[in-house]
Amino acid sequence: MRTSVRSSKLLGEALRRARRSAGLTQKELGHRTSLRQATISALENGEGATLDTVFSVLTALDLDLQLTKRADMVPALDTLF
């Protein structure tokens, strides 16, 4: 799974998809991470979370965080013609 995330809401949606793909409920993911189900829910809804929380969930879902330079969204005109 490769997903571009640029906001807390998009991160939450990506984590929800990964959790569901792994066949886990929020409660089960909470047990794996020692986090409350409510914390998992808040994270998936894009609400405030610490970096420690994010990394705990990423680890439990066997995911890595990679930072890359944003690609230009619009190609230069001279490359179109």
PDB file of N, CA and C in Angstrom:
ATOM      1  N   MET A   1       0.849  -1.173   0.000  1.00  0.00           N
ATOM      2  CA  MET A   1       0.000   0.000   0.000  1.00  0.00           C
ATOM      3  C   MET A   1       0.895   1.237   0.000  1.00  0.00           C
ATOM      4  N   ARG A   2       0.688   2.107  -0.957  1.00  0.00           N
ATOM      5  CA  ARG A   2       1.420   3.364  -0.998  1.00  0.00           C
ATOM      6  C   ARG A   2       0.387   4.482  -1.035  1.00  0.00           C
ATOM      7  N   THR A   3       0.405   5.353  -0.036  1.00  0.00           N
ATOM      8  CA  THR A   3      -0.599   6.392   0.096  1.00  0.00           C
ATOM      9  C   THR A   3       0.074   7.722   0.393  1.00  0.00           C
ATOM     10  N   SER A   4      -0.352   8.747  -0.301  1.00  0.00           N
ATOM     11  CA  SER A   4       0.140  10.092  -0.032  1.00  0.00           C
ATOM     12  C   SER A   4      -0.752  10.724   1.034  1.00  0.00           C
ATOM     13  N   VAL A   5      -0.142  11.163   2.121  1.00  0.00           N
ATOM     14  CA  VAL A   5      -0.889  11.726   3.242  1.00  0.00           C
ATOM     15  C   VAL A   5      -0.407  13.142   3.491  1.00  0.00           C
ATOM     16  N   ARG A   6      -1.335  14.079   3.463  1.00  0.00           N
ATOM     17  CA  ARG A   6      -0.969  15.486   3.664  1.00  0.00           C
ATOM     18  C   ARG A   6      -1.797  16.174   4.737  1.00  0.00           C
ATOM     19  N   SER A   7      -2.555  15.392   5.491  1.00  0.00           N
ATOM     20  CA  SER A   7      -3.330  15.969   6.596  1.00  0.00           C
ATOM     21  C   SER A   7      -3.636  14.870   7.613  1.00  0.00           C
ATOM     22  N   SER A   8      -4.041  15.274   8.797  1.00  0.00           N
ATOM     23  CA  SER A   8      -4.376  14.291   9.828  1.00  0.00           C
ATOM     24  C   SER A   8      -5.600  13.475   9.420  1.00  0.00           C
ATOM     25  N   LYS A   9      -6.521  14.088   8.709  1.00  0.00           N
ATOM     26  CA  LYS A   9      -7.703  13.368   8.242  1.00  0.00           C
ATOM     27  C   LYS A   9      -7.311  12.267   7.245  1.00  0.00           C
ATOM     28  N   LEU A  10      -6.438  12.590   6.296  1.00  0.00           N
ATOM     29  CA  LEU A  10      -5.984  11.596   5.324  1.00  0.00           C
ATOM     30  C   LEU A  10      -5.187  10.479   5.993  1.00  0.00           C
ATOM     31  N   LEU A  11      -4.393  10.834   7.011  1.00  0.00           N
ATOM     32  CA  LEU A  11      -3.661   9.813   7.751  1.00  0.00           C
ATOM     33  C   LEU A  11      -4.632   8.867   8.443  1.00  0.00           C
ATOM     34  N   GLY A  12      -5.640   9.430   9.080  1.00  0.00           N
ATOM     35  CA  GLY A  12      -6.636   8.614   9.763  1.00  0.00           C
ATOM     36  C   GLY A  12      -7.351   7.665   8.819  1.00  0.00           C
ATOM     37  N   GLU A  13      -7.719   8.172   7.636  1.00  0.00           N
ATOM     38  CA  GLU A  13      -8.399   7.332   6.647  1.00  0.00           C
ATOM     39  C   GLU A  13      -7.485   6.204   6.167  1.00  0.00           C
ATOM     40  N   ALA A  14      -6.221   6.511   5.959  1.00  0.00           N
ATOM     41  CA  ALA A  14      -5.265   5.487   5.513  1.00  0.00           C
ATOM     42  C   ALA A  14      -5.072   4.426   6.584  1.00  0.00           C
ATOM     43  N   LEU A  15      -4.991   4.840   7.836  1.00  0.00           N
ATOM     44  CA  LEU A  15      -4.827   3.880   8.927  1.00  0.00           C
ATOM     45  C   LEU A  15      -6.072   3.013   9.089  1.00  0.00           C
ATOM     46  N   ARG A  16      -7.249   3.613   8.904  1.00  0.00           N
ATOM     47  CA  ARG A  16      -8.497   2.839   8.973  1.00  0.00           C
ATOM     48  C   ARG A  16      -8.515   1.760   7.885  1.00  0.00           C
ATOM     49  N   ARG A  17      -8.140   2.146   6.653  1.00  0.00           N
ATOM     50  CA  ARG A  17      -8.107   1.162   5.558  1.00  0.00           C
ATOM     51  C   ARG A  17      -7.116   0.035   5.870  1.00  0.00           C
ATOM     52  N   ALA A  18      -5.961   0.400   6.408  1.00  0.00           N
ATOM     53  CA  ALA A  18      -4.945  -0.608   6.736  1.00  0.00           C
ATOM     54  C   ALA A  18      -5.439  -1.532   7.848  1.00  0.00           C
ATOM     55  N   ARG A  19      -6.100  -0.978   8.837  1.00  0.00           N
ATOM     56  CA  ARG A  19      -6.626  -1.789   9.944  1.00  0.00           C
ATOM     57  C   ARG A  19      -7.674  -2.763   9.430  1.00  0.00           C
ATOM     58  N   ARG A  20      -8.581  -2.253   8.624  1.00  0.00           N
ATOM     59  CA  ARG A  20      -9.634  -3.121   8.082  1.00  0.00           C
ATOM     60  C   ARG A  20      -9.045  -4.192   7.167  1.00  0.00           C
ATOM     61  N   SER A  21      -8.056  -3.811   6.379  1.00  0.00           N
ATOM     62  CA  SER A  21      -7.391  -4.765   5.489  1.00  0.00           C
ATOM     63  C   SER A  21      -6.724  -5.885   6.289  1.00  0.00           C
ATOM     64  N   ALA A  22      -6.246  -5.545   7.475  1.00  0.00           N
ATOM     65  CA  ALA A  22      -5.615  -6.535   8.354  1.00  0.00           C
ATOM     66  C   ALA A  22      -6.654  -7.364   9.106  1.00  0.00           C
ATOM     67  N   GLY A  23      -7.934  -7.020   8.923  1.00  0.00           N
ATOM     68  CA  GLY A  23      -8.999  -7.771   9.582  1.00  0.00           C
ATOM     69  C   GLY A  23      -9.129  -7.496  11.064  1.00  0.00           C
ATOM     70  N   LEU A  24      -8.723  -6.297  11.483  1.00  0.00           N
ATOM     71  CA  LEU A  24      -8.757  -5.938  12.903  1.00  0.00           C
ATOM     72  C   LEU A  24      -9.869  -4.949  13.210  1.00  0.00           C
ATOM     73  N   THR A  25     -10.452  -5.076  14.381  1.00  0.00           N
ATOM     74  CA  THR A  25     -11.365  -4.051  14.879  1.00  0.00           C
ATOM     75  C   THR A  25     -10.529  -2.982  15.589  1.00  0.00           C
ATOM     76  N   GLN A  26     -11.156  -1.864  15.876  1.00  0.00           N
ATOM     77  CA  GLN A  26     -10.450  -0.829  16.635  1.00  0.00           C
ATOM     78  C   GLN A  26     -10.040  -1.359  18.001  1.00  0.00           C
ATOM     79  N   LYS A  27     -10.894  -2.152  18.601  1.00  0.00           N
ATOM     80  CA  LYS A  27     -10.591  -2.708  19.923  1.00  0.00           C
ATOM     81  C   LYS A  27      -9.393  -3.650  19.855  1.00  0.00           C
ATOM     82  N   GLU A  28      -9.340  -4.497  18.826  1.00  0.00           N
ATOM     83  CA  GLU A  28      -8.213  -5.417  18.667  1.00  0.00           C
ATOM     84  C   GLU A  28      -6.907  -4.660  18.422  1.00  0.00           C
ATOM     85  N   LEU A  29      -6.980  -3.615  17.602  1.00  0.00           N
ATOM     86  CA  LEU A  29      -5.784  -2.795  17.372  1.00  0.00           C
ATOM     87  C   LEU A  29      -5.374  -2.097  18.665  1.00  0.00           C
ATOM     88  N   GLY A  30      -6.344  -1.668  19.433  1.00  0.00           N
ATOM     89  CA  GLY A  30      -6.056  -1.068  20.729  1.00  0.00           C
ATOM     90  C   GLY A  30      -5.306  -2.015  21.648  1.00  0.00           C
ATOM     91  N   HIS A  31      -5.710  -3.278  21.663  1.00  0.00           N
ATOM     92  CA  HIS A  31      -5.013  -4.271  22.490  1.00  0.00           C
ATOM     93  C   HIS A  31      -3.577  -4.461  22.023  1.00  0.00           C
ATOM     94  N   ARG A  32      -3.375  -4.478  20.715  1.00  0.00           N
ATOM     95  CA  ARG A  32      -2.015  -4.665  20.173  1.00  0.00           C
ATOM     96  C   ARG A  32      -1.100  -3.490  20.508  1.00  0.00           C
ATOM     97  N   THR A  33      -1.676  -2.315  20.679  1.00  0.00           N
ATOM     98  CA  THR A  33      -0.887  -1.100  20.887  1.00  0.00           C
ATOM     99  C   THR A  33      -0.951  -0.576  22.317  1.00  0.00           C
ATOM    100  N   SER A  34      -1.716  -1.233  23.170  1.00  0.00           N
ATOM    101  CA  SER A  34      -1.959  -0.756  24.541  1.00  0.00           C
ATOM    102  C   SER A  34      -2.624   0.620  24.542  1.00  0.00           C
ATOM    103  N   LEU A  35      -3.450   0.865  23.524  1.00  0.00           N
ATOM    104  CA  LEU A  35      -4.204   2.114  23.432  1.00  0.00           C
ATOM    105  C   LEU A  35      -5.691   1.801  23.589  1.00  0.00           C
ATOM    106  N   ARG A  36      -6.436   2.777  24.060  1.00  0.00           N
ATOM    107  CA  ARG A  36      -7.881   2.597  24.180  1.00  0.00           C
ATOM    108  C   ARG A  36      -8.530   2.614  22.798  1.00  0.00           C
ATOM    109  N   GLN A  37      -9.656   1.945  22.656  1.00  0.00           N
ATOM    110  CA  GLN A  37     -10.407   1.945  21.396  1.00  0.00           C
ATOM    111  C   GLN A  37     -10.762   3.378  21.021  1.00  0.00           C
ATOM    112  N   ALA A  38     -11.090   4.202  21.991  1.00  0.00           N
ATOM    113  CA  ALA A  38     -11.443   5.594  21.728  1.00  0.00           C
ATOM    114  C   ALA A  38     -10.265   6.360  21.118  1.00  0.00           C
ATOM    115  N   THR A  39      -9.055   6.016  21.518  1.00  0.00           N
ATOM    116  CA  THR A  39      -7.861   6.665  20.959  1.00  0.00           C
ATOM    117  C   THR A  39      -7.685   6.263  19.504  1.00  0.00           C
ATOM    118  N   ILE A  40      -7.901   4.981  19.199  1.00  0.00           N
ATOM    119  CA  ILE A  40      -7.814   4.508  17.817  1.00  0.00           C
ATOM    120  C   ILE A  40      -8.871   5.210  16.974  1.00  0.00           C
ATOM    121  N   SER A  41     -10.074   5.319  17.497  1.00  0.00           N
ATOM    122  CA  SER A  41     -11.165   5.988  16.790  1.00  0.00           C
ATOM    123  C   SER A  41     -10.817   7.451  16.505  1.00  0.00           C
ATOM    124  N   ALA A  42     -10.299   8.152  17.505  1.00  0.00           N
ATOM    125  CA  ALA A  42      -9.924   9.552  17.332  1.00  0.00           C
ATOM    126  C   ALA A  42      -8.845   9.698  16.263  1.00  0.00           C
ATOM    127  N   LEU A  43      -7.853   8.824  16.295  1.00  0.00           N
ATOM    128  CA  LEU A  43      -6.782   8.863  15.305  1.00  0.00           C
ATOM    129  C   LEU A  43      -7.346   8.654  13.902  1.00  0.00           C
ATOM    130  N   GLU A  44      -8.233   7.682  13.749  1.00  0.00           N
ATOM    131  CA  GLU A  44      -8.825   7.400  12.441  1.00  0.00           C
ATOM    132  C   GLU A  44      -9.737   8.529  11.961  1.00  0.00           C
ATOM    133  N   ASN A  45     -10.221   9.338  12.880  1.00  0.00           N
ATOM    134  CA  ASN A  45     -11.063  10.483  12.519  1.00  0.00           C
ATOM    135  C   ASN A  45     -10.253  11.758  12.314  1.00  0.00           C
ATOM    136  N   GLY A  46      -8.932  11.636  12.366  1.00  0.00           N
ATOM    137  CA  GLY A  46      -8.068  12.782  12.119  1.00  0.00           C
ATOM    138  C   GLY A  46      -7.957  13.739  13.282  1.00  0.00           C
ATOM    139  N   GLU A  47      -8.330  13.270  14.447  1.00  0.00           N
ATOM    140  CA  GLU A  47      -8.257  14.113  15.635  1.00  0.00           C
ATOM    141  C   GLU A  47      -6.886  13.968  16.270  1.00  0.00           C
ATOM    142  N   GLY A  48      -6.543  14.908  17.112  1.00  0.00           N
ATOM    143  CA  GLY A  48      -5.217  14.989  17.701  1.00  0.00           C
ATOM    144  C   GLY A  48      -4.653  13.669  18.201  1.00  0.00           C
ATOM    145  N   ALA A  49      -3.416  13.421  17.862  1.00  0.00           N
ATOM    146  CA  ALA A  49      -2.710  12.228  18.327  1.00  0.00           C
ATOM    147  C   ALA A  49      -1.239  12.580  18.457  1.00  0.00           C
ATOM    148  N   THR A  50      -0.597  11.942  19.389  1.00  0.00           N
ATOM    149  CA  THR A  50       0.836  12.174  19.541  1.00  0.00           C
ATOM    150  C   THR A  50       1.585  11.344  18.496  1.00  0.00           C
ATOM    151  N   LEU A  51       2.828  11.703  18.264  1.00  0.00           N
ATOM    152  CA  LEU A  51       3.652  10.919  17.349  1.00  0.00           C
ATOM    153  C   LEU A  51       3.855   9.515  17.890  1.00  0.00           C
ATOM    154  N   ASP A  52       3.970   9.386  19.192  1.00  0.00           N
ATOM    155  CA  ASP A  52       4.115   8.048  19.790  1.00  0.00           C
ATOM    156  C   ASP A  52       2.912   7.175  19.456  1.00  0.00           C
ATOM    157  N   THR A  53       1.713   7.759  19.512  1.00  0.00           N
ATOM    158  CA  THR A  53       0.494   7.017  19.170  1.00  0.00           C
ATOM    159  C   THR A  53       0.523   6.593  17.713  1.00  0.00           C
ATOM    160  N   VAL A  54       0.863   7.516  16.831  1.00  0.00           N
ATOM    161  CA  VAL A  54       0.920   7.211  15.395  1.00  0.00           C
ATOM    162  C   VAL A  54       1.916   6.084  15.136  1.00  0.00           C
ATOM    163  N   PHE A  55       3.094   6.179  15.716  1.00  0.00           N
ATOM    164  CA  PHE A  55       4.111   5.154  15.480  1.00  0.00           C
ATOM    165  C   PHE A  55       3.720   3.804  16.094  1.00  0.00           C
ATOM    166  N   SER A  56       3.032   3.803  17.205  1.00  0.00           N
ATOM    167  CA  SER A  56       2.553   2.548  17.790  1.00  0.00           C
ATOM    168  C   SER A  56       1.574   1.855  16.842  1.00  0.00           C
ATOM    169  N   VAL A  57       0.679   2.632  16.256  1.00  0.00           N
ATOM    170  CA  VAL A  57      -0.305   2.067  15.333  1.00  0.00           C
ATOM    171  C   VAL A  57       0.376   1.607  14.050  1.00  0.00           C
ATOM    172  N   LEU A  58       1.292   2.410  13.531  1.00  0.00           N
ATOM    173  CA  LEU A  58       2.024   2.005  12.326  1.00  0.00           C
ATOM    174  C   LEU A  58       2.756   0.687  12.554  1.00  0.00           C
ATOM    175  N   THR A  59       3.399   0.553  13.688  1.00  0.00           N
ATOM    176  CA  THR A  59       4.126  -0.675  14.006  1.00  0.00           C
ATOM    177  C   THR A  59       3.178  -1.864  14.101  1.00  0.00           C
ATOM    178  N   ALA A  60       2.062  -1.679  14.774  1.00  0.00           N
ATOM    179  CA  ALA A  60       1.095  -2.772  14.933  1.00  0.00           C
ATOM    180  C   ALA A  60       0.504  -3.212  13.596  1.00  0.00           C
ATOM    181  N   LEU A  61       0.420  -2.280  12.648  1.00  0.00           N
ATOM    182  CA  LEU A  61      -0.122  -2.599  11.325  1.00  0.00           C
ATOM    183  C   LEU A  61       0.972  -2.976  10.331  1.00  0.00           C
ATOM    184  N   ASP A  62       2.199  -3.082  10.819  1.00  0.00           N
ATOM    185  CA  ASP A  62       3.348  -3.450   9.984  1.00  0.00           C
ATOM    186  C   ASP A  62       3.537  -2.466   8.824  1.00  0.00           C
ATOM    187  N   LEU A  63       3.450  -1.182   9.149  1.00  0.00           N
ATOM    188  CA  LEU A  63       3.612  -0.115   8.160  1.00  0.00           C
ATOM    189  C   LEU A  63       4.827   0.737   8.513  1.00  0.00           C
ATOM    190  N   ASP A  64       5.423   1.355   7.501  1.00  0.00           N
ATOM    191  CA  ASP A  64       6.518   2.308   7.684  1.00  0.00           C
ATOM    192  C   ASP A  64       6.057   3.692   7.269  1.00  0.00           C
ATOM    193  N   LEU A  65       6.661   4.695   7.857  1.00  0.00           N
ATOM    194  CA  LEU A  65       6.443   6.074   7.450  1.00  0.00           C
ATOM    195  C   LEU A  65       7.629   6.494   6.600  1.00  0.00           C
ATOM    196  N   GLN A  66       7.352   6.992   5.401  1.00  0.00           N
ATOM    197  CA  GLN A  66       8.418   7.454   4.519  1.00  0.00           C
ATOM    198  C   GLN A  66       8.119   8.890   4.112  1.00  0.00           C
ATOM    199  N   LEU A  67       9.124   9.717   4.168  1.00  0.00           N
ATOM    200  CA  LEU A  67       8.973  11.108   3.752  1.00  0.00           C
ATOM    201  C   LEU A  67       9.612  11.282   2.384  1.00  0.00           C
ATOM    202  N   THR A  68       8.884  11.919   1.491  1.00  0.00           N
ATOM    203  CA  THR A  68       9.409  12.187   0.158  1.00  0.00           C
ATOM    204  C   THR A  68       9.074  13.614  -0.231  1.00  0.00           C
ATOM    205  N   LYS A  69       9.865  14.143  -1.100  1.00  0.00           N
ATOM    206  CA  LYS A  69       9.618  15.483  -1.620  1.00  0.00           C
ATOM    207  C   LYS A  69       8.357  15.444  -2.463  1.00  0.00           C
ATOM    208  N   ARG A  70       7.511  16.452  -2.305  1.00  0.00           N
ATOM    209  CA  ARG A  70       6.289  16.521  -3.109  1.00  0.00           C
ATOM    210  C   ARG A  70       6.638  16.674  -4.578  1.00  0.00           C
ATOM    211  N   ALA A  71       5.953  15.928  -5.383  1.00  0.00           N
ATOM    212  CA  ALA A  71       6.133  16.048  -6.829  1.00  0.00           C
ATOM    213  C   ALA A  71       5.382  17.278  -7.306  1.00  0.00           C
ATOM    214  N   ASP A  72       5.890  17.892  -8.339  1.00  0.00           N
ATOM    215  CA  ASP A  72       5.177  19.023  -8.926  1.00  0.00           C
ATOM    216  C   ASP A  72       3.839  18.527  -9.445  1.00  0.00           C
ATOM    217  N   MET A  73       2.791  19.225  -9.111  1.00  0.00           N
ATOM    218  CA  MET A  73       1.459  18.808  -9.512  1.00  0.00           C
ATOM    219  C   MET A  73       1.167  19.144 -10.975  1.00  0.00           C
ATOM    220  N   VAL A  74       1.770  20.215 -11.477  1.00  0.00           N
ATOM    221  CA  VAL A  74       1.526  20.643 -12.853  1.00  0.00           C
ATOM    222  C   VAL A  74       2.850  20.585 -13.613  1.00  0.00           C
ATOM    223  N   PRO A  75       2.890  19.849 -14.721  1.00  0.00           N
ATOM    224  CA  PRO A  75       4.130  19.788 -15.465  1.00  0.00           C
ATOM    225  C   PRO A  75       4.458  21.137 -16.110  1.00  0.00           C
ATOM    226  N   ALA A  76       5.723  21.395 -16.285  1.00  0.00           N
ATOM    227  CA  ALA A  76       6.144  22.640 -16.944  1.00  0.00           C
ATOM    228  C   ALA A  76       5.597  22.642 -18.373  1.00  0.00           C
ATOM    229  N   LEU A  77       5.189  23.818 -18.846  1.00  0.00           N
ATOM    230  CA  LEU A  77       4.609  23.937 -20.179  1.00  0.00           C
ATOM    231  C   LEU A  77       5.526  23.425 -21.268  1.00  0.00           C
ATOM    232  N   ASP A  78       6.840  23.659 -21.113  1.00  0.00           N
ATOM    233  CA  ASP A  78       7.757  23.245 -22.160  1.00  0.00           C
ATOM    234  C   ASP A  78       7.884  21.720 -22.269  1.00  0.00           C
ATOM    235  N   THR A  79       7.415  20.983 -21.258  1.00  0.00           N
ATOM    236  CA  THR A  79       7.475  19.534 -21.360  1.00  0.00           C
ATOM    237  C   THR A  79       6.228  18.957 -22.028  1.00  0.00           C
ATOM    238  N   LEU A  80       5.196  19.786 -22.217  1.00  0.00           N
ATOM    239  CA  LEU A  80       3.955  19.338 -22.837  1.00  0.00           C
ATOM    240  C   LEU A  80       3.989  19.395 -24.365  1.00  0.00           C
ATOM    241  N   PHE A  81       4.854  20.235 -24.912  1.00  0.00           N
ATOM    242  CA  PHE A  81       4.862  20.450 -26.373  1.00  0.00           C
ATOM    243  C   PHE A  81       6.153  20.034 -27.004  1.00  0.00           C
TER     244      PHE A  81
END
